All heavy atoms as atom14 arrays in JSON, in Angstrom:
{
  "sequence": "LAVSVKRTPATRGKKLFLFLSQKALTEKDGRFL",
  "atom14_mask": [
    [1, 1, 1, 1, 1, 1, 1, 1, 0, 0, 0, 0, 0, 0],
    [1, 1, 1, 1, 1, 0, 0, 0, 0, 0, 0, 0, 0, 0],
    [1, 1, 1, 1, 1, 1, 1, 0, 0, 0, 0, 0, 0, 0],
    [1, 1, 1, 1, 1, 1, 0, 0, 0, 0, 0, 0, 0, 0],
    [1, 1, 1, 1, 1, 1, 1, 0, 0, 0, 0, 0, 0, 0],
    [1, 1, 1, 1, 1, 1, 1, 1, 1, 0, 0, 0, 0, 0],
    [1, 1, 1, 1, 1, 1, 1, 1, 1, 1, 1, 0, 0, 0],
    [1, 1, 1, 1, 1, 1, 1, 0, 0, 0, 0, 0, 0, 0],
    [1, 1, 1, 1, 1, 1, 1, 0, 0, 0, 0, 0, 0, 0],
    [1, 1, 1, 1, 1, 0, 0, 0, 0, 0, 0, 0, 0, 0],
    [1, 1, 1, 1, 1, 1, 1, 0, 0, 0, 0, 0, 0, 0],
    [1, 1, 1, 1, 1, 1, 1, 1, 1, 1, 1, 0, 0, 0],
    [1, 1, 1, 1, 0, 0, 0, 0, 0, 0, 0, 0, 0, 0],
    [1, 1, 1, 1, 1, 1, 1, 1, 1, 0, 0, 0, 0, 0],
    [1, 1, 1, 1, 1, 1, 1, 1, 1, 0, 0, 0, 0, 0],
    [1, 1, 1, 1, 1, 1, 1, 1, 0, 0, 0, 0, 0, 0],
    [1, 1, 1, 1, 1, 1, 1, 1, 1, 1, 1, 0, 0, 0],
    [1, 1, 1, 1, 1, 1, 1, 1, 0, 0, 0, 0, 0, 0],
    [1, 1, 1, 1, 1, 1, 1, 1, 1, 1, 1, 0, 0, 0],
    [1, 1, 1, 1, 1, 1, 1, 1, 0, 0, 0, 0, 0, 0],
    [1, 1, 1, 1, 1, 1, 0, 0, 0, 0, 0, 0, 0, 0],
    [1, 1, 1, 1, 1, 1, 1, 1, 1, 0, 0, 0, 0, 0],
    [1, 1, 1, 1, 1, 1, 1, 1, 1, 0, 0, 0, 0, 0],
    [1, 1, 1, 1, 1, 0, 0, 0, 0, 0, 0, 0, 0, 0],
    [1, 1, 1, 1, 1, 1, 1, 1, 0, 0, 0, 0, 0, 0],
    [1, 1, 1, 1, 1, 1, 1, 0, 0, 0, 0, 0, 0, 0],
    [1, 1, 1, 1, 1, 1, 1, 1, 1, 0, 0, 0, 0, 0],
    [1, 1, 1, 1, 1, 1, 1, 1, 1, 0, 0, 0, 0, 0],
    [1, 1, 1, 1, 1, 1, 1, 1, 0, 0, 0, 0, 0, 0],
    [1, 1, 1, 1, 0, 0, 0, 0, 0, 0, 0, 0, 0, 0],
    [1, 1, 1, 1, 1, 1, 1, 1, 1, 1, 1, 0, 0, 0],
    [1, 1, 1, 1, 1, 1, 1, 1, 1, 1, 1, 0, 0, 0],
    [1, 1, 1, 1, 1, 1, 1, 1, 0, 0, 0, 0, 0, 0]
  ],
  "atom14_positions": [
    [[0.83, -1.22, 0.03], [0.01, -0.03, -0.04], [0.92, 1.19, 0.03], [1.61, 1.48, 0.94], [-0.89, 0.06, 1.24], [-1.8, 1.18, 1.46], [-2.75, 1.19, 0.22], [-2.61, 1.17, 2.74], [0.0, 0.0, 0.0], [0.0, 0.0, 0.0], [0.0, 0.0, 0.0], [0.0, 0.0, 0.0], [0.0, 0.0, 0.0], [0.0, 0.0, 0.0]],
    [[0.93, 1.93, -1.13], [1.71, 3.11, -1.21], [0.8, 4.28, -0.88], [-0.24, 4.44, -1.21], [2.09, 3.33, -2.73], [0.0, 0.0, 0.0], [0.0, 0.0, 0.0], [0.0, 0.0, 0.0], [0.0, 0.0, 0.0], [0.0, 0.0, 0.0], [0.0, 0.0, 0.0], [0.0, 0.0, 0.0], [0.0, 0.0, 0.0], [0.0, 0.0, 0.0]],
    [[1.35, 5.19, 0.05], [0.65, 6.31, 0.58], [1.37, 7.62, 0.23], [2.67, 7.7, 0.52], [0.52, 6.26, 2.15], [-0.21, 7.51, 2.72], [-0.28, 5.02, 2.55], [0.0, 0.0, 0.0], [0.0, 0.0, 0.0], [0.0, 0.0, 0.0], [0.0, 0.0, 0.0], [0.0, 0.0, 0.0], [0.0, 0.0, 0.0], [0.0, 0.0, 0.0]],
    [[0.69, 8.46, -0.41], [1.3, 9.84, -0.6], [0.5, 10.96, 0.05], [-0.82, 10.71, 0.18], [1.42, 10.13, -2.18], [0.23, 10.13, -2.74], [0.0, 0.0, 0.0], [0.0, 0.0, 0.0], [0.0, 0.0, 0.0], [0.0, 0.0, 0.0], [0.0, 0.0, 0.0], [0.0, 0.0, 0.0], [0.0, 0.0, 0.0], [0.0, 0.0, 0.0]],
    [[1.09, 12.01, 0.44], [0.38, 13.04, 1.31], [0.61, 14.41, 0.54], [1.87, 14.75, 0.24], [0.87, 13.12, 2.73], [0.16, 14.13, 3.53], [0.63, 11.75, 3.38], [0.0, 0.0, 0.0], [0.0, 0.0, 0.0], [0.0, 0.0, 0.0], [0.0, 0.0, 0.0], [0.0, 0.0, 0.0], [0.0, 0.0, 0.0], [0.0, 0.0, 0.0]],
    [[-0.39, 15.14, 0.42], [-0.35, 16.57, -0.05], [-0.08, 17.36, 1.2], [-1.0, 17.45, 1.99], [-1.46, 17.1, -0.9], [-1.35, 18.4, -1.34], [-2.64, 18.75, -2.13], [-2.59, 20.18, -2.48], [-3.88, 20.59, -3.2], [0.0, 0.0, 0.0], [0.0, 0.0, 0.0], [0.0, 0.0, 0.0], [0.0, 0.0, 0.0], [0.0, 0.0, 0.0]],
    [[1.03, 17.94, 1.31], [1.24, 18.86, 2.44], [0.76, 20.18, 2.13], [0.66, 20.74, 1.05], [2.81, 19.08, 2.74], [3.37, 17.7, 3.26], [4.81, 17.93, 3.65], [5.5, 16.83, 4.13], [5.61, 16.59, 5.44], [5.19, 17.54, 6.33], [6.2, 15.5, 5.96], [0.0, 0.0, 0.0], [0.0, 0.0, 0.0], [0.0, 0.0, 0.0]],
    [[0.2, 20.88, 3.15], [-0.23, 22.24, 3.11], [0.79, 23.27, 3.78], [1.74, 22.73, 4.43], [-1.58, 22.29, 3.97], [-1.17, 22.06, 5.31], [-2.72, 21.34, 3.58], [0.0, 0.0, 0.0], [0.0, 0.0, 0.0], [0.0, 0.0, 0.0], [0.0, 0.0, 0.0], [0.0, 0.0, 0.0], [0.0, 0.0, 0.0], [0.0, 0.0, 0.0]],
    [[0.73, 24.46, 3.63], [1.6, 25.34, 4.34], [1.6, 25.07, 5.75], [2.99, 25.11, 6.37], [0.97, 26.67, 4.1], [0.27, 26.61, 2.71], [-0.39, 25.12, 2.77], [0.0, 0.0, 0.0], [0.0, 0.0, 0.0], [0.0, 0.0, 0.0], [0.0, 0.0, 0.0], [0.0, 0.0, 0.0], [0.0, 0.0, 0.0], [0.0, 0.0, 0.0]],
    [[0.67, 24.72, 6.47], [0.68, 24.48, 7.92], [1.5, 23.14, 8.17], [2.01, 22.99, 9.3], [-0.73, 24.22, 8.46], [0.0, 0.0, 0.0], [0.0, 0.0, 0.0], [0.0, 0.0, 0.0], [0.0, 0.0, 0.0], [0.0, 0.0, 0.0], [0.0, 0.0, 0.0], [0.0, 0.0, 0.0], [0.0, 0.0, 0.0], [0.0, 0.0, 0.0]],
    [[1.58, 22.1, 7.21], [2.16, 20.93, 7.57], [3.64, 20.75, 6.87], [4.27, 19.78, 7.13], [1.3, 19.68, 7.03], [1.12, 19.74, 5.66], [-0.02, 19.82, 7.78], [0.0, 0.0, 0.0], [0.0, 0.0, 0.0], [0.0, 0.0, 0.0], [0.0, 0.0, 0.0], [0.0, 0.0, 0.0], [0.0, 0.0, 0.0], [0.0, 0.0, 0.0]],
    [[4.01, 21.75, 6.12], [5.4, 21.75, 5.56], [6.39, 21.75, 6.67], [6.37, 22.47, 7.6], [5.52, 22.94, 4.53], [4.92, 22.59, 3.22], [5.32, 23.63, 2.04], [4.38, 23.48, 1.09], [3.51, 24.39, 0.86], [3.55, 25.61, 1.44], [2.74, 24.33, -0.11], [0.0, 0.0, 0.0], [0.0, 0.0, 0.0], [0.0, 0.0, 0.0]],
    [[7.44, 20.83, 6.51], [8.5, 20.67, 7.47], [8.19, 20.03, 8.74], [9.04, 19.94, 9.6], [0.0, 0.0, 0.0], [0.0, 0.0, 0.0], [0.0, 0.0, 0.0], [0.0, 0.0, 0.0], [0.0, 0.0, 0.0], [0.0, 0.0, 0.0], [0.0, 0.0, 0.0], [0.0, 0.0, 0.0], [0.0, 0.0, 0.0], [0.0, 0.0, 0.0]],
    [[6.9, 19.59, 8.91], [6.47, 18.9, 10.18], [6.48, 17.44, 9.9], [6.37, 16.86, 8.96], [5.12, 19.28, 10.51], [4.85, 20.77, 10.75], [5.6, 21.28, 11.97], [5.37, 22.77, 12.26], [6.17, 23.19, 13.4], [0.0, 0.0, 0.0], [0.0, 0.0, 0.0], [0.0, 0.0, 0.0], [0.0, 0.0, 0.0], [0.0, 0.0, 0.0]],
    [[6.85, 16.73, 11.06], [6.85, 15.29, 11.08], [5.35, 14.75, 10.95], [4.41, 15.43, 11.44], [7.32, 14.73, 12.53], [7.38, 13.26, 12.52], [7.92, 12.86, 13.89], [9.26, 13.19, 14.15], [9.78, 12.66, 15.46], [0.0, 0.0, 0.0], [0.0, 0.0, 0.0], [0.0, 0.0, 0.0], [0.0, 0.0, 0.0], [0.0, 0.0, 0.0]],
    [[5.21, 13.78, 10.07], [3.88, 13.17, 9.86], [3.91, 11.73, 10.4], [4.82, 11.05, 10.17], [3.55, 12.97, 8.41], [3.47, 14.38, 7.59], [3.06, 14.01, 6.12], [2.47, 15.33, 8.14], [0.0, 0.0, 0.0], [0.0, 0.0, 0.0], [0.0, 0.0, 0.0], [0.0, 0.0, 0.0], [0.0, 0.0, 0.0], [0.0, 0.0, 0.0]],
    [[2.8, 11.44, 11.11], [2.56, 10.08, 11.59], [1.66, 9.46, 10.69], [0.57, 10.02, 10.31], [1.98, 10.0, 12.99], [2.8, 10.6, 13.96], [2.34, 11.68, 14.68], [4.07, 10.22, 14.23], [3.03, 12.28, 15.77], [4.83, 10.85, 15.29], [4.3, 11.91, 15.95], [0.0, 0.0, 0.0], [0.0, 0.0, 0.0], [0.0, 0.0, 0.0]],
    [[1.97, 8.22, 10.16], [0.97, 7.39, 9.42], [0.57, 6.2, 10.28], [1.4, 5.46, 10.54], [1.6, 6.85, 8.08], [1.78, 7.75, 6.87], [2.5, 8.96, 7.2], [2.33, 6.97, 5.74], [0.0, 0.0, 0.0], [0.0, 0.0, 0.0], [0.0, 0.0, 0.0], [0.0, 0.0, 0.0], [0.0, 0.0, 0.0], [0.0, 0.0, 0.0]],
    [[-0.65, 6.25, 10.44], [-1.32, 5.11, 11.36], [-2.23, 4.16, 10.41], [-3.08, 4.67, 9.85], [-2.11, 5.68, 12.38], [-1.42, 6.57, 13.41], [-1.66, 7.91, 13.48], [-0.48, 5.97, 14.28], [-0.91, 8.71, 14.46], [0.17, 6.67, 15.2], [-0.01, 8.07, 15.31], [0.0, 0.0, 0.0], [0.0, 0.0, 0.0], [0.0, 0.0, 0.0]],
    [[-1.81, 2.9, 10.34], [-2.57, 1.92, 9.81], [-3.25, 1.06, 10.83], [-2.44, 0.5, 11.74], [-1.83, 1.07, 8.79], [-2.59, 0.12, 7.95], [-3.35, 1.03, 6.92], [-1.58, -0.75, 7.16], [0.0, 0.0, 0.0], [0.0, 0.0, 0.0], [0.0, 0.0, 0.0], [0.0, 0.0, 0.0], [0.0, 0.0, 0.0], [0.0, 0.0, 0.0]],
    [[-4.59, 0.99, 11.0], [-5.14, 0.46, 12.12], [-6.49, -0.4, 11.68], [-6.94, -0.19, 10.64], [-5.71, 1.62, 13.1], [-6.51, 2.46, 12.46], [0.0, 0.0, 0.0], [0.0, 0.0, 0.0], [0.0, 0.0, 0.0], [0.0, 0.0, 0.0], [0.0, 0.0, 0.0], [0.0, 0.0, 0.0], [0.0, 0.0, 0.0], [0.0, 0.0, 0.0]],
    [[-6.93, -1.26, 12.62], [-8.1, -2.04, 12.39], [-9.47, -1.27, 12.6], [-10.42, -1.69, 12.04], [-8.09, -3.23, 13.25], [-7.01, -4.29, 12.82], [-6.91, -5.4, 13.72], [-7.03, -5.2, 14.99], [-6.61, -6.55, 13.16], [0.0, 0.0, 0.0], [0.0, 0.0, 0.0], [0.0, 0.0, 0.0], [0.0, 0.0, 0.0], [0.0, 0.0, 0.0]],
    [[-9.36, -0.18, 13.45], [-10.48, 0.67, 13.63], [-10.13, 2.16, 13.34], [-9.02, 2.54, 13.39], [-10.85, 0.58, 15.08], [-11.38, -0.88, 15.44], [-12.04, -0.79, 16.88], [-12.65, -2.15, 17.24], [-13.07, -2.23, 18.68], [0.0, 0.0, 0.0], [0.0, 0.0, 0.0], [0.0, 0.0, 0.0], [0.0, 0.0, 0.0], [0.0, 0.0, 0.0]],
    [[-11.15, 2.86, 13.0], [-10.96, 4.29, 12.57], [-10.52, 5.06, 13.84], [-10.98, 4.85, 14.93], [-12.16, 4.89, 12.07], [0.0, 0.0, 0.0], [0.0, 0.0, 0.0], [0.0, 0.0, 0.0], [0.0, 0.0, 0.0], [0.0, 0.0, 0.0], [0.0, 0.0, 0.0], [0.0, 0.0, 0.0], [0.0, 0.0, 0.0], [0.0, 0.0, 0.0]],
    [[-9.5, 5.91, 13.59], [-9.05, 6.8, 14.79], [-9.68, 8.28, 14.71], [-9.46, 8.97, 15.65], [-7.49, 6.95, 14.6], [-6.63, 5.74, 14.65], [-5.13, 6.12, 14.56], [-6.93, 4.87, 15.83], [0.0, 0.0, 0.0], [0.0, 0.0, 0.0], [0.0, 0.0, 0.0], [0.0, 0.0, 0.0], [0.0, 0.0, 0.0], [0.0, 0.0, 0.0]],
    [[-10.44, 8.5, 13.55], [-11.1, 9.78, 13.36], [-12.49, 9.67, 13.09], [-12.96, 8.54, 12.67], [-10.39, 10.64, 12.29], [-10.61, 10.02, 11.05], [-8.95, 10.85, 12.6], [0.0, 0.0, 0.0], [0.0, 0.0, 0.0], [0.0, 0.0, 0.0], [0.0, 0.0, 0.0], [0.0, 0.0, 0.0], [0.0, 0.0, 0.0], [0.0, 0.0, 0.0]],
    [[-13.32, 10.76, 13.29], [-14.7, 10.83, 12.94], [-14.71, 10.95, 11.39], [-13.62, 11.11, 10.79], [-15.32, 12.1, 13.51], [-15.29, 12.13, 15.05], [-16.42, 11.44, 15.71], [-17.23, 10.82, 14.89], [-16.44, 11.27, 16.8], [0.0, 0.0, 0.0], [0.0, 0.0, 0.0], [0.0, 0.0, 0.0], [0.0, 0.0, 0.0], [0.0, 0.0, 0.0]],
    [[-15.83, 10.9, 10.78], [-15.88, 11.09, 9.28], [-15.37, 12.4, 8.88], [-14.9, 12.52, 7.83], [-17.33, 10.94, 8.82], [-17.9, 9.5, 9.01], [-19.27, 9.35, 8.41], [-19.74, 7.92, 8.62], [-21.15, 7.85, 8.15], [0.0, 0.0, 0.0], [0.0, 0.0, 0.0], [0.0, 0.0, 0.0], [0.0, 0.0, 0.0], [0.0, 0.0, 0.0]],
    [[-15.47, 13.51, 9.67], [-14.98, 14.8, 9.36], [-13.44, 14.97, 9.59], [-12.91, 16.02, 9.17], [-15.68, 15.92, 10.09], [-15.48, 15.93, 11.65], [-14.7, 15.07, 12.1], [-15.99, 16.77, 12.19], [0.0, 0.0, 0.0], [0.0, 0.0, 0.0], [0.0, 0.0, 0.0], [0.0, 0.0, 0.0], [0.0, 0.0, 0.0], [0.0, 0.0, 0.0]],
    [[-12.86, 13.9, 10.23], [-11.36, 14.03, 10.38], [-10.97, 14.38, 11.78], [-9.71, 14.38, 12.06], [0.0, 0.0, 0.0], [0.0, 0.0, 0.0], [0.0, 0.0, 0.0], [0.0, 0.0, 0.0], [0.0, 0.0, 0.0], [0.0, 0.0, 0.0], [0.0, 0.0, 0.0], [0.0, 0.0, 0.0], [0.0, 0.0, 0.0], [0.0, 0.0, 0.0]],
    [[-11.83, 14.62, 12.62], [-11.41, 14.96, 14.1], [-11.18, 13.73, 14.76], [-11.85, 12.66, 14.58], [-12.55, 15.73, 14.78], [-12.8, 17.1, 14.17], [-13.36, 18.11, 15.13], [-13.81, 19.28, 14.37], [-12.87, 20.25, 13.96], [-11.58, 20.03, 14.12], [-13.19, 21.27, 13.32], [0.0, 0.0, 0.0], [0.0, 0.0, 0.0], [0.0, 0.0, 0.0]],
    [[-10.25, 13.69, 15.71], [-9.89, 12.45, 16.48], [-11.08, 11.97, 17.22], [-11.86, 12.7, 17.73], [-8.77, 12.77, 17.63], [-7.51, 13.11, 16.85], [-6.59, 13.94, 17.51], [-6.93, 12.61, 15.72], [-5.37, 14.43, 16.97], [-5.79, 12.83, 15.22], [-4.91, 13.78, 15.75], [0.0, 0.0, 0.0], [0.0, 0.0, 0.0], [0.0, 0.0, 0.0]],
    [[-11.23, 10.62, 17.34], [-12.19, 10.12, 18.18], [-11.26, 10.11, 19.54], [-10.44, 9.34, 19.86], [-12.43, 8.57, 17.82], [-13.33, 8.43, 16.64], [-13.32, 7.08, 16.04], [-14.68, 8.89, 17.04], [0.0, 0.0, 0.0], [0.0, 0.0, 0.0], [0.0, 0.0, 0.0], [0.0, 0.0, 0.0], [0.0, 0.0, 0.0], [0.0, 0.0, 0.0]]
  ]
}
């Protein structure tokens, strides 16, 4: 599974965590559960 991410001005230069999980970690809108 190849993952690519489009960085925004706010995320440029910041460390990114990629989480692959069996259950969703966020709501449908993207906010953390």
